[in-house]
N, C-alpha and C. Protein backbone atom coordinates (compact mmCIF):
# COMPACT_ATOMS: atom_id res chain seq x y z
N MET A 1 0.83 -1.21 0.00
CA MET A 1 0.00 0.00 0.00
C MET A 1 0.86 1.26 0.00
N ASN A 2 1.95 1.22 0.81
CA ASN A 2 2.83 2.38 0.85
C ASN A 2 3.44 2.68 -0.51
N VAL A 3 3.79 1.60 -1.23
CA VAL A 3 4.36 1.77 -2.56
C VAL A 3 3.35 2.41 -3.49
N LEU A 4 2.11 1.96 -3.43
CA LEU A 4 1.05 2.52 -4.27
C LEU A 4 0.81 3.99 -3.93
N CYS A 5 0.86 4.32 -2.66
CA CYS A 5 0.67 5.71 -2.25
C CYS A 5 1.77 6.60 -2.78
N ARG A 6 3.01 6.08 -2.69
CA ARG A 6 4.15 6.86 -3.20
C ARG A 6 4.04 7.08 -4.70
N LEU A 7 3.63 6.02 -5.42
CA LEU A 7 3.46 6.14 -6.87
C LEU A 7 2.39 7.17 -7.20
N PHE A 8 1.31 7.16 -6.42
CA PHE A 8 0.23 8.11 -6.66
C PHE A 8 0.71 9.54 -6.45
N VAL A 9 1.51 9.74 -5.39
CA VAL A 9 2.04 11.08 -5.10
C VAL A 9 2.97 11.53 -6.22
N ILE A 10 3.81 10.61 -6.71
CA ILE A 10 4.73 10.96 -7.80
C ILE A 10 3.97 11.37 -9.05
N VAL A 11 2.94 10.59 -9.40
CA VAL A 11 2.13 10.91 -10.57
C VAL A 11 1.43 12.25 -10.40
N LEU A 12 0.92 12.49 -9.19
CA LEU A 12 0.22 13.75 -8.91
C LEU A 12 1.16 14.94 -9.02
N LEU A 13 2.38 14.79 -8.49
CA LEU A 13 3.35 15.88 -8.57
C LEU A 13 3.77 16.14 -10.01
N ALA A 14 3.94 15.06 -10.79
CA ALA A 14 4.32 15.23 -12.19
C ALA A 14 3.23 15.95 -12.96
N ALA A 15 1.98 15.59 -12.70
CA ALA A 15 0.86 16.25 -13.38
C ALA A 15 0.78 17.71 -13.00
N SER A 16 1.05 18.01 -11.72
CA SER A 16 1.02 19.40 -11.27
C SER A 16 2.12 20.21 -11.92
N ALA A 17 3.30 19.58 -12.05
CA ALA A 17 4.42 20.28 -12.69
C ALA A 17 4.12 20.57 -14.14
N GLN A 18 3.52 19.60 -14.85
CA GLN A 18 3.16 19.81 -16.25
C GLN A 18 2.14 20.91 -16.39
N ALA A 19 1.17 20.95 -15.48
CA ALA A 19 0.15 22.00 -15.53
C ALA A 19 0.77 23.36 -15.29
N ALA A 20 1.75 23.42 -14.38
CA ALA A 20 2.42 24.69 -14.10
C ALA A 20 3.20 25.17 -15.30
N VAL A 21 3.90 24.25 -15.97
CA VAL A 21 4.65 24.61 -17.18
C VAL A 21 3.71 25.12 -18.25
N ALA A 22 2.58 24.42 -18.44
CA ALA A 22 1.60 24.84 -19.45
C ALA A 22 1.07 26.23 -19.14
N ALA A 23 0.81 26.51 -17.85
CA ALA A 23 0.31 27.83 -17.45
C ALA A 23 1.36 28.90 -17.73
N ASP A 24 2.62 28.60 -17.39
CA ASP A 24 3.70 29.55 -17.64
C ASP A 24 3.83 29.84 -19.13
N THR A 25 3.73 28.79 -19.96
CA THR A 25 3.84 28.98 -21.41
C THR A 25 2.70 29.83 -21.93
N THR A 26 1.50 29.59 -21.43
CA THR A 26 0.34 30.38 -21.84
C THR A 26 0.54 31.85 -21.50
N GLU A 27 1.06 32.11 -20.31
CA GLU A 27 1.31 33.49 -19.89
C GLU A 27 2.39 34.15 -20.75
N LEU A 28 3.42 33.37 -21.08
CA LEU A 28 4.50 33.90 -21.91
C LEU A 28 3.97 34.28 -23.29
N ILE A 29 3.22 33.36 -23.90
CA ILE A 29 2.68 33.63 -25.23
C ILE A 29 1.80 34.89 -25.20
N ALA A 30 1.02 35.04 -24.13
CA ALA A 30 0.17 36.23 -24.00
C ALA A 30 1.03 37.49 -23.87
N SER A 31 2.16 37.38 -23.15
CA SER A 31 3.00 38.56 -22.94
C SER A 31 3.70 39.02 -24.21
N LEU A 32 3.79 38.16 -25.21
CA LEU A 32 4.42 38.54 -26.48
C LEU A 32 3.66 39.67 -27.17
N LYS A 33 2.40 39.87 -26.80
CA LYS A 33 1.62 40.95 -27.39
C LYS A 33 2.21 42.32 -27.08
N GLN A 34 3.01 42.39 -26.01
CA GLN A 34 3.60 43.67 -25.61
C GLN A 34 4.84 44.02 -26.44
N GLY A 35 5.40 43.01 -27.14
CA GLY A 35 6.61 43.24 -27.90
C GLY A 35 7.84 43.18 -27.01
N GLY A 36 9.01 43.35 -27.62
CA GLY A 36 10.25 43.38 -26.87
C GLY A 36 10.95 42.04 -26.74
N TYR A 37 10.48 41.03 -27.47
CA TYR A 37 11.08 39.70 -27.40
C TYR A 37 11.73 39.33 -28.73
N VAL A 38 12.67 38.39 -28.64
CA VAL A 38 13.29 37.81 -29.83
C VAL A 38 12.99 36.31 -29.80
N LEU A 39 12.36 35.81 -30.85
CA LEU A 39 11.99 34.40 -30.94
C LEU A 39 12.92 33.74 -31.96
N VAL A 40 13.68 32.76 -31.49
CA VAL A 40 14.63 32.07 -32.36
C VAL A 40 14.09 30.68 -32.66
N PHE A 41 13.55 30.50 -33.85
CA PHE A 41 12.94 29.25 -34.25
C PHE A 41 13.94 28.32 -34.95
N ARG A 42 13.85 27.04 -34.66
CA ARG A 42 14.40 26.06 -35.58
C ARG A 42 13.33 25.86 -36.65
N HIS A 43 13.74 25.77 -37.92
CA HIS A 43 12.75 25.57 -38.97
C HIS A 43 11.91 24.32 -38.70
N THR A 44 10.75 24.24 -39.30
CA THR A 44 9.84 23.13 -39.08
C THR A 44 10.27 21.89 -39.89
N ALA A 45 9.47 20.83 -39.83
CA ALA A 45 9.86 19.51 -40.34
C ALA A 45 10.21 19.52 -41.83
N THR A 46 11.19 18.70 -42.17
CA THR A 46 11.70 18.64 -43.55
C THR A 46 11.55 17.24 -44.14
N ASP A 47 11.81 17.15 -45.44
CA ASP A 47 11.78 15.89 -46.17
C ASP A 47 13.16 15.24 -46.08
N ASP A 48 13.28 14.21 -45.25
CA ASP A 48 14.59 13.59 -45.01
C ASP A 48 15.14 12.84 -46.22
N SER A 49 14.31 12.62 -47.22
CA SER A 49 14.81 11.93 -48.42
C SER A 49 15.65 12.87 -49.28
N GLN A 50 15.57 14.17 -49.00
CA GLN A 50 16.35 15.15 -49.73
C GLN A 50 17.62 15.49 -48.96
N LYS A 51 18.68 15.81 -49.66
CA LYS A 51 19.96 16.12 -49.03
C LYS A 51 20.48 17.46 -49.53
N ASP A 52 21.18 18.15 -48.63
CA ASP A 52 21.84 19.39 -49.02
C ASP A 52 23.12 19.08 -49.78
N VAL A 53 23.42 19.89 -50.76
CA VAL A 53 24.68 19.82 -51.48
C VAL A 53 25.57 20.93 -50.96
N TYR A 54 26.82 20.60 -50.64
CA TYR A 54 27.76 21.60 -50.15
C TYR A 54 28.96 21.67 -51.09
N PRO A 55 29.46 22.85 -51.44
CA PRO A 55 29.00 24.17 -50.98
C PRO A 55 27.53 24.41 -51.34
N PHE A 56 26.84 25.13 -50.44
CA PHE A 56 25.42 25.37 -50.65
C PHE A 56 25.14 26.07 -51.97
N LYS A 57 24.05 25.66 -52.60
CA LYS A 57 23.57 26.32 -53.82
C LYS A 57 22.21 26.93 -53.48
N PHE A 58 22.25 28.17 -53.06
CA PHE A 58 21.06 28.79 -52.50
C PHE A 58 19.94 29.00 -53.51
N ASP A 59 20.27 29.08 -54.80
CA ASP A 59 19.25 29.30 -55.82
C ASP A 59 18.77 28.00 -56.45
N ASP A 60 19.31 26.87 -56.01
CA ASP A 60 18.97 25.57 -56.59
C ASP A 60 18.18 24.77 -55.56
N MET A 61 16.85 24.72 -55.71
CA MET A 61 16.01 24.03 -54.74
C MET A 61 16.26 22.53 -54.75
N SER A 62 16.73 21.98 -55.86
CA SER A 62 17.00 20.55 -55.93
C SER A 62 18.26 20.16 -55.16
N ALA A 63 19.05 21.15 -54.76
CA ALA A 63 20.29 20.88 -54.03
C ALA A 63 20.13 21.17 -52.54
N GLN A 64 18.88 21.31 -52.09
CA GLN A 64 18.61 21.60 -50.68
C GLN A 64 17.51 20.69 -50.14
N ARG A 65 17.59 20.40 -48.85
CA ARG A 65 16.47 19.72 -48.19
C ARG A 65 15.37 20.75 -47.98
N GLN A 66 14.15 20.39 -48.30
CA GLN A 66 13.02 21.32 -48.23
C GLN A 66 12.07 20.95 -47.09
N LEU A 67 11.19 21.86 -46.75
CA LEU A 67 10.13 21.53 -45.80
C LEU A 67 9.26 20.43 -46.37
N SER A 68 8.82 19.53 -45.51
CA SER A 68 7.83 18.54 -45.90
C SER A 68 6.44 19.18 -45.78
N GLU A 69 5.42 18.49 -46.25
CA GLU A 69 4.06 19.03 -46.08
C GLU A 69 3.72 19.15 -44.60
N LYS A 70 4.21 18.20 -43.80
CA LYS A 70 4.02 18.31 -42.35
C LYS A 70 4.67 19.58 -41.82
N GLY A 71 5.87 19.88 -42.31
CA GLY A 71 6.57 21.08 -41.87
C GLY A 71 5.86 22.36 -42.28
N ARG A 72 5.33 22.36 -43.49
CA ARG A 72 4.58 23.54 -43.95
C ARG A 72 3.32 23.74 -43.12
N ASP A 73 2.62 22.63 -42.84
CA ASP A 73 1.40 22.72 -42.04
C ASP A 73 1.72 23.18 -40.62
N MET A 74 2.82 22.69 -40.05
CA MET A 74 3.25 23.10 -38.71
C MET A 74 3.52 24.60 -38.67
N ALA A 75 4.24 25.11 -39.67
CA ALA A 75 4.56 26.54 -39.73
C ALA A 75 3.29 27.38 -39.90
N ARG A 76 2.37 26.91 -40.74
CA ARG A 76 1.11 27.64 -40.94
C ARG A 76 0.33 27.72 -39.63
N GLN A 77 0.29 26.62 -38.88
CA GLN A 77 -0.47 26.61 -37.63
C GLN A 77 0.15 27.55 -36.60
N ILE A 78 1.47 27.60 -36.53
CA ILE A 78 2.12 28.55 -35.64
C ILE A 78 1.75 29.98 -36.06
N GLY A 79 1.78 30.21 -37.37
CA GLY A 79 1.43 31.53 -37.89
C GLY A 79 0.01 31.93 -37.56
N VAL A 80 -0.91 30.98 -37.68
CA VAL A 80 -2.31 31.26 -37.33
C VAL A 80 -2.42 31.63 -35.86
N ALA A 81 -1.74 30.88 -35.00
CA ALA A 81 -1.78 31.16 -33.56
C ALA A 81 -1.23 32.55 -33.25
N ILE A 82 -0.16 32.93 -33.91
CA ILE A 82 0.43 34.25 -33.70
C ILE A 82 -0.54 35.35 -34.13
N ARG A 83 -1.18 35.16 -35.28
CA ARG A 83 -2.12 36.18 -35.75
C ARG A 83 -3.39 36.23 -34.89
N GLU A 84 -3.87 35.08 -34.44
CA GLU A 84 -5.06 35.08 -33.59
C GLU A 84 -4.84 35.83 -32.29
N ARG A 85 -3.61 35.81 -31.80
CA ARG A 85 -3.29 36.49 -30.56
C ARG A 85 -2.82 37.93 -30.79
N ALA A 86 -2.80 38.35 -32.05
CA ALA A 86 -2.37 39.71 -32.38
C ALA A 86 -0.98 40.01 -31.85
N ILE A 87 -0.08 39.02 -31.98
CA ILE A 87 1.31 39.20 -31.56
C ILE A 87 2.05 39.99 -32.64
N PRO A 88 2.59 41.14 -32.32
CA PRO A 88 3.21 41.98 -33.35
C PRO A 88 4.61 41.48 -33.74
N ILE A 89 4.81 41.29 -35.02
CA ILE A 89 6.09 40.83 -35.55
C ILE A 89 6.76 41.98 -36.29
N GLY A 90 8.00 42.25 -35.92
CA GLY A 90 8.77 43.29 -36.59
C GLY A 90 9.74 42.70 -37.59
N ASN A 91 11.02 42.79 -37.30
CA ASN A 91 12.03 42.25 -38.22
C ASN A 91 12.02 40.73 -38.21
N VAL A 92 12.22 40.16 -39.40
CA VAL A 92 12.31 38.71 -39.56
C VAL A 92 13.61 38.40 -40.28
N TYR A 93 14.44 37.56 -39.66
CA TYR A 93 15.70 37.14 -40.27
C TYR A 93 15.71 35.62 -40.38
N THR A 94 16.22 35.12 -41.49
CA THR A 94 16.25 33.68 -41.69
C THR A 94 17.61 33.24 -42.22
N SER A 95 17.82 31.94 -42.18
CA SER A 95 18.91 31.31 -42.90
C SER A 95 18.73 31.57 -44.39
N ARG A 96 19.78 31.39 -45.15
CA ARG A 96 19.69 31.54 -46.60
C ARG A 96 19.15 30.28 -47.29
N LEU A 97 19.00 29.20 -46.53
CA LEU A 97 18.44 27.98 -47.11
C LEU A 97 16.92 28.08 -47.17
N ASN A 98 16.34 27.55 -48.23
CA ASN A 98 14.93 27.78 -48.51
C ASN A 98 14.00 27.26 -47.42
N ARG A 99 14.37 26.15 -46.75
CA ARG A 99 13.48 25.61 -45.73
C ARG A 99 13.25 26.60 -44.59
N ALA A 100 14.28 27.38 -44.27
CA ALA A 100 14.14 28.39 -43.23
C ALA A 100 13.41 29.62 -43.76
N ILE A 101 13.70 30.00 -45.00
CA ILE A 101 13.01 31.13 -45.61
C ILE A 101 11.51 30.86 -45.69
N GLU A 102 11.15 29.65 -46.15
CA GLU A 102 9.74 29.30 -46.28
C GLU A 102 9.06 29.22 -44.92
N ALA A 103 9.74 28.61 -43.94
CA ALA A 103 9.16 28.52 -42.60
C ALA A 103 8.94 29.91 -42.01
N GLY A 104 9.90 30.80 -42.20
CA GLY A 104 9.76 32.16 -41.68
C GLY A 104 8.57 32.89 -42.28
N LYS A 105 8.37 32.72 -43.57
CA LYS A 105 7.24 33.40 -44.22
C LYS A 105 5.91 32.83 -43.75
N LEU A 106 5.83 31.50 -43.60
CA LEU A 106 4.59 30.88 -43.16
C LEU A 106 4.28 31.22 -41.70
N ILE A 107 5.31 31.34 -40.87
CA ILE A 107 5.10 31.66 -39.46
C ILE A 107 4.71 33.12 -39.27
N THR A 108 5.37 34.01 -39.97
CA THR A 108 5.17 35.45 -39.72
C THR A 108 4.27 36.15 -40.73
N GLY A 109 4.10 35.54 -41.90
CA GLY A 109 3.35 36.20 -42.97
C GLY A 109 4.14 37.31 -43.63
N LYS A 110 5.45 37.36 -43.39
CA LYS A 110 6.29 38.42 -43.92
C LYS A 110 7.50 37.83 -44.64
N GLU A 111 8.02 38.59 -45.58
CA GLU A 111 9.27 38.22 -46.23
C GLU A 111 10.42 38.56 -45.29
N GLY A 112 11.20 37.56 -44.94
CA GLY A 112 12.33 37.80 -44.05
C GLY A 112 13.58 38.20 -44.80
N GLN A 113 14.57 38.63 -44.07
CA GLN A 113 15.88 38.93 -44.64
C GLN A 113 16.79 37.74 -44.39
N ALA A 114 17.27 37.12 -45.46
CA ALA A 114 18.15 35.96 -45.34
C ALA A 114 19.57 36.42 -45.04
N VAL A 115 20.18 35.84 -44.00
CA VAL A 115 21.51 36.28 -43.58
C VAL A 115 22.43 35.08 -43.36
N ASP A 116 23.72 35.31 -43.55
CA ASP A 116 24.71 34.24 -43.37
C ASP A 116 24.73 33.73 -41.92
N ALA A 117 24.53 34.63 -40.96
CA ALA A 117 24.65 34.26 -39.55
C ALA A 117 23.72 33.13 -39.14
N LEU A 118 22.59 33.00 -39.83
CA LEU A 118 21.61 31.98 -39.47
C LEU A 118 21.66 30.76 -40.38
N THR A 119 22.53 30.78 -41.38
CA THR A 119 22.63 29.67 -42.34
C THR A 119 23.36 28.50 -41.70
N ASP A 120 22.90 27.30 -42.00
CA ASP A 120 23.34 26.07 -41.36
C ASP A 120 24.86 26.01 -41.15
N SER A 121 25.29 26.07 -39.89
CA SER A 121 26.72 26.09 -39.58
C SER A 121 27.37 24.71 -39.68
N SER A 122 26.56 23.66 -39.89
CA SER A 122 27.14 22.32 -40.06
C SER A 122 27.72 22.14 -41.45
N ASN A 123 27.41 23.10 -42.36
CA ASN A 123 27.88 23.01 -43.74
C ASN A 123 27.51 21.68 -44.40
N ALA A 124 26.27 21.25 -44.15
CA ALA A 124 25.70 20.04 -44.75
C ALA A 124 26.38 18.76 -44.29
N SER A 125 27.07 18.80 -43.17
CA SER A 125 27.69 17.60 -42.61
C SER A 125 26.65 16.80 -41.85
N ALA A 126 26.44 15.56 -42.24
CA ALA A 126 25.44 14.73 -41.58
C ALA A 126 25.76 14.56 -40.10
N SER A 127 27.02 14.36 -39.77
CA SER A 127 27.40 14.18 -38.37
C SER A 127 27.21 15.47 -37.58
N GLY A 128 27.48 16.60 -38.24
CA GLY A 128 27.30 17.88 -37.57
C GLY A 128 25.85 18.16 -37.27
N MET A 129 24.97 17.81 -38.19
CA MET A 129 23.55 18.05 -37.98
C MET A 129 22.96 17.09 -36.96
N ALA A 130 23.44 15.84 -36.95
CA ALA A 130 22.89 14.84 -36.04
C ALA A 130 23.37 15.04 -34.61
N ASN A 131 24.60 15.55 -34.45
CA ASN A 131 25.19 15.69 -33.12
C ASN A 131 25.81 17.08 -32.95
N PRO A 132 24.98 18.09 -32.84
CA PRO A 132 25.52 19.44 -32.70
C PRO A 132 26.33 19.55 -31.41
N SER A 133 27.53 20.07 -31.53
CA SER A 133 28.45 20.08 -30.39
C SER A 133 28.77 21.48 -29.89
N ALA A 134 28.12 22.48 -30.43
CA ALA A 134 28.40 23.87 -30.04
C ALA A 134 29.86 24.21 -30.28
N ALA A 135 30.43 23.65 -31.34
CA ALA A 135 31.86 23.80 -31.59
C ALA A 135 32.20 25.05 -32.40
N ASN A 136 31.22 25.60 -33.11
CA ASN A 136 31.49 26.72 -34.00
C ASN A 136 31.27 28.04 -33.24
N THR A 137 32.31 28.50 -32.60
CA THR A 137 32.22 29.70 -31.76
C THR A 137 31.84 30.93 -32.58
N LYS A 138 32.41 31.07 -33.77
CA LYS A 138 32.13 32.22 -34.62
C LYS A 138 30.67 32.26 -35.02
N ALA A 139 30.11 31.09 -35.42
CA ALA A 139 28.70 31.03 -35.82
C ALA A 139 27.80 31.35 -34.63
N GLY A 140 28.15 30.84 -33.45
CA GLY A 140 27.35 31.12 -32.27
C GLY A 140 27.33 32.59 -31.92
N ALA A 141 28.47 33.24 -32.02
CA ALA A 141 28.56 34.67 -31.71
C ALA A 141 27.71 35.49 -32.68
N ALA A 142 27.66 35.07 -33.94
CA ALA A 142 26.87 35.80 -34.95
C ALA A 142 25.38 35.70 -34.65
N VAL A 143 24.94 34.52 -34.20
CA VAL A 143 23.53 34.35 -33.84
C VAL A 143 23.20 35.21 -32.62
N ARG A 144 24.05 35.15 -31.61
CA ARG A 144 23.79 35.91 -30.38
C ARG A 144 23.78 37.42 -30.64
N GLN A 145 24.57 37.87 -31.60
CA GLN A 145 24.57 39.30 -31.94
C GLN A 145 23.19 39.72 -32.45
N LEU A 146 22.57 38.87 -33.25
CA LEU A 146 21.21 39.16 -33.73
C LEU A 146 20.21 39.12 -32.59
N VAL A 147 20.37 38.15 -31.69
CA VAL A 147 19.45 38.01 -30.56
C VAL A 147 19.52 39.23 -29.64
N ASP A 148 20.70 39.80 -29.51
CA ASP A 148 20.89 40.92 -28.58
C ASP A 148 20.43 42.27 -29.14
N GLN A 149 20.04 42.30 -30.41
CA GLN A 149 19.52 43.54 -30.99
C GLN A 149 18.09 43.76 -30.52
N SER A 150 17.82 44.92 -29.99
CA SER A 150 16.47 45.21 -29.49
C SER A 150 15.47 45.30 -30.64
N PRO A 151 14.31 44.67 -30.52
CA PRO A 151 13.28 44.79 -31.56
C PRO A 151 12.78 46.22 -31.67
N ALA A 152 12.20 46.54 -32.81
CA ALA A 152 11.55 47.84 -32.95
C ALA A 152 10.45 47.96 -31.91
N SER A 153 10.20 49.17 -31.45
CA SER A 153 9.25 49.40 -30.37
C SER A 153 7.90 48.73 -30.64
N GLY A 154 7.43 47.98 -29.65
CA GLY A 154 6.12 47.35 -29.75
C GLY A 154 6.06 46.12 -30.63
N THR A 155 7.22 45.61 -31.03
CA THR A 155 7.23 44.42 -31.90
C THR A 155 8.17 43.36 -31.32
N ASN A 156 8.08 42.17 -31.90
CA ASN A 156 8.99 41.08 -31.60
C ASN A 156 9.78 40.73 -32.85
N THR A 157 11.04 40.40 -32.67
CA THR A 157 11.88 39.95 -33.78
C THR A 157 11.81 38.44 -33.89
N VAL A 158 11.78 37.93 -35.11
CA VAL A 158 11.77 36.48 -35.35
C VAL A 158 13.02 36.09 -36.13
N LEU A 159 13.73 35.08 -35.64
CA LEU A 159 14.86 34.48 -36.35
C LEU A 159 14.50 33.03 -36.66
N VAL A 160 14.86 32.57 -37.85
CA VAL A 160 14.63 31.16 -38.21
C VAL A 160 15.94 30.56 -38.67
N THR A 161 16.38 29.54 -37.95
CA THR A 161 17.71 29.00 -38.21
C THR A 161 17.69 27.48 -38.11
N HIS A 162 18.83 26.88 -37.75
CA HIS A 162 19.01 25.43 -37.79
C HIS A 162 19.48 24.91 -36.44
N LYS A 163 19.37 23.61 -36.27
CA LYS A 163 19.72 22.94 -35.01
C LYS A 163 21.16 23.25 -34.58
N THR A 164 22.09 23.15 -35.52
CA THR A 164 23.50 23.37 -35.17
C THR A 164 23.76 24.82 -34.76
N ASN A 165 23.13 25.76 -35.43
CA ASN A 165 23.32 27.17 -35.09
C ASN A 165 22.81 27.46 -33.68
N LEU A 166 21.68 26.83 -33.32
CA LEU A 166 21.15 27.02 -31.97
C LEU A 166 22.11 26.47 -30.92
N ALA A 167 22.70 25.31 -31.20
CA ALA A 167 23.67 24.74 -30.26
C ALA A 167 24.92 25.61 -30.18
N ASP A 168 25.37 26.12 -31.32
CA ASP A 168 26.54 27.00 -31.33
C ASP A 168 26.30 28.25 -30.50
N ALA A 169 25.08 28.78 -30.59
CA ALA A 169 24.76 30.03 -29.90
C ALA A 169 24.47 29.84 -28.42
N PHE A 170 23.76 28.76 -28.08
CA PHE A 170 23.22 28.62 -26.73
C PHE A 170 23.74 27.40 -25.97
N GLY A 171 24.69 26.66 -26.56
CA GLY A 171 25.29 25.55 -25.86
C GLY A 171 24.71 24.20 -26.23
N LYS A 172 25.38 23.15 -25.77
CA LYS A 172 25.00 21.78 -26.14
C LYS A 172 23.58 21.43 -25.73
N ASP A 173 23.10 22.04 -24.64
CA ASP A 173 21.74 21.74 -24.18
C ASP A 173 20.69 22.13 -25.22
N ALA A 174 21.05 23.03 -26.13
CA ALA A 174 20.13 23.43 -27.19
C ALA A 174 20.12 22.42 -28.33
N GLY A 175 21.01 21.41 -28.25
CA GLY A 175 21.09 20.42 -29.32
C GLY A 175 19.89 19.51 -29.41
N ASP A 176 19.00 19.55 -28.40
CA ASP A 176 17.79 18.73 -28.46
C ASP A 176 16.59 19.51 -28.98
N VAL A 177 16.85 20.70 -29.52
CA VAL A 177 15.75 21.54 -30.01
C VAL A 177 14.94 20.80 -31.07
N GLN A 178 13.63 20.87 -30.94
CA GLN A 178 12.74 20.19 -31.87
C GLN A 178 12.43 21.07 -33.07
N GLU A 179 11.99 20.44 -34.14
CA GLU A 179 11.57 21.19 -35.33
C GLU A 179 10.39 22.09 -34.97
N GLY A 180 10.49 23.36 -35.31
CA GLY A 180 9.42 24.30 -35.02
C GLY A 180 9.46 24.88 -33.61
N GLU A 181 10.43 24.46 -32.79
CA GLU A 181 10.54 24.98 -31.43
C GLU A 181 11.24 26.35 -31.45
N ALA A 182 10.87 27.20 -30.51
CA ALA A 182 11.46 28.54 -30.43
C ALA A 182 12.10 28.77 -29.07
N PHE A 183 13.28 29.38 -29.09
CA PHE A 183 13.92 29.89 -27.88
C PHE A 183 13.51 31.37 -27.78
N VAL A 184 13.00 31.76 -26.63
CA VAL A 184 12.49 33.12 -26.46
C VAL A 184 13.44 33.92 -25.56
N TYR A 185 13.83 35.09 -26.05
CA TYR A 185 14.72 35.99 -25.30
C TYR A 185 14.04 37.34 -25.13
N LYS A 186 14.28 37.95 -23.97
CA LYS A 186 13.78 39.28 -23.69
C LYS A 186 14.89 40.29 -23.89
N ALA A 187 14.67 41.25 -24.76
CA ALA A 187 15.68 42.27 -25.03
C ALA A 187 15.89 43.15 -23.80
N SER A 188 17.14 43.54 -23.57
CA SER A 188 17.44 44.39 -22.41
C SER A 188 17.56 45.85 -22.80
N GLY A 189 17.94 46.10 -24.05
CA GLY A 189 18.12 47.47 -24.51
C GLY A 189 19.49 48.02 -24.24
N SER A 190 20.22 47.40 -23.30
CA SER A 190 21.55 47.92 -22.95
C SER A 190 22.59 46.82 -22.77
N GLY A 191 22.25 45.61 -23.15
CA GLY A 191 23.19 44.50 -22.98
C GLY A 191 22.62 43.24 -23.58
N PRO A 192 23.20 42.09 -23.23
CA PRO A 192 22.71 40.82 -23.79
C PRO A 192 21.26 40.56 -23.44
N ALA A 193 20.53 39.97 -24.37
CA ALA A 193 19.14 39.59 -24.12
C ALA A 193 19.11 38.46 -23.09
N THR A 194 18.01 38.36 -22.37
CA THR A 194 17.86 37.37 -21.31
C THR A 194 16.97 36.22 -21.77
N PHE A 195 17.47 34.99 -21.57
CA PHE A 195 16.67 33.83 -21.93
C PHE A 195 15.43 33.77 -21.05
N VAL A 196 14.27 33.48 -21.69
CA VAL A 196 13.01 33.41 -20.96
C VAL A 196 12.48 31.98 -20.92
N ALA A 197 12.36 31.34 -22.07
CA ALA A 197 11.77 30.00 -22.11
C ALA A 197 11.89 29.43 -23.51
N ARG A 198 11.49 28.17 -23.63
CA ARG A 198 11.38 27.52 -24.93
C ARG A 198 9.91 27.22 -25.20
N ILE A 199 9.47 27.50 -26.42
CA ILE A 199 8.08 27.23 -26.81
C ILE A 199 8.09 26.20 -27.93
N LYS A 200 7.51 25.03 -27.68
CA LYS A 200 7.42 24.00 -28.70
C LYS A 200 6.28 24.33 -29.67
N ALA A 201 6.36 23.74 -30.86
CA ALA A 201 5.32 24.00 -31.86
C ALA A 201 3.93 23.67 -31.31
N ALA A 202 3.84 22.58 -30.56
CA ALA A 202 2.53 22.15 -30.02
C ALA A 202 1.98 23.15 -29.02
N ASP A 203 2.84 23.91 -28.36
CA ASP A 203 2.38 24.90 -27.39
C ASP A 203 1.58 26.00 -28.06
N TRP A 204 1.95 26.34 -29.30
CA TRP A 204 1.20 27.34 -30.04
C TRP A 204 -0.12 26.76 -30.53
N THR A 205 -0.05 25.61 -31.17
CA THR A 205 -1.22 25.07 -31.87
C THR A 205 -2.26 24.53 -30.93
N ALA A 206 -1.83 23.98 -29.79
CA ALA A 206 -2.80 23.42 -28.83
C ALA A 206 -3.67 24.49 -28.23
N LYS A 207 -3.15 25.73 -28.19
CA LYS A 207 -3.89 26.80 -27.54
C LYS A 207 -4.44 27.82 -28.52
N ALA A 208 -4.25 27.56 -29.81
CA ALA A 208 -4.79 28.48 -30.82
C ALA A 208 -6.29 28.59 -30.66
N GLY A 209 -6.78 29.83 -30.69
CA GLY A 209 -8.22 30.05 -30.62
C GLY A 209 -8.74 30.20 -29.21
N GLN A 210 -7.89 29.97 -28.20
CA GLN A 210 -8.36 30.13 -26.83
C GLN A 210 -8.20 31.56 -26.35
């Protein structure tokens, strides 16, 4: 009986913790309406049967891995949730690879500015993409420089990049970032932005319309 009681308490505590996280995420998403945040997205799901060719050929779609239909639908749903909540989007920056450009447009409804700093730092290396090690210090610094730029007044900045770039910028713990997940930073205006939370794709879509 004691074992069953302990198991019940553990399950109850886990459920309470999950509910608290969900509540915190809901509050964070609501606070984005005020602006002043930087959202760093990993692009949404891709077609794994396609491979990148390196050196990258940015104008050749056949030489790049593209978003899958699942990825496009995921990005659209995030975009719908953002618009339903009237979350203001200012500057949008993306990788130069089309999967990030397309995801950025579907999420924000805006044409983003493609920049080298957000372009896949693994250079199409399968091992680099599978096991991001935060080894590229220069790439990480370039991402953080964008994150530390204050958004235009009353807006949020959106960045769309890749798994390896996130690990380079924020450390190995960011290597488990999911497709469509966002790292949220609060701009300080006078120094480095402050990490706030991570928002998974499901966090947006599960609460859309509420």
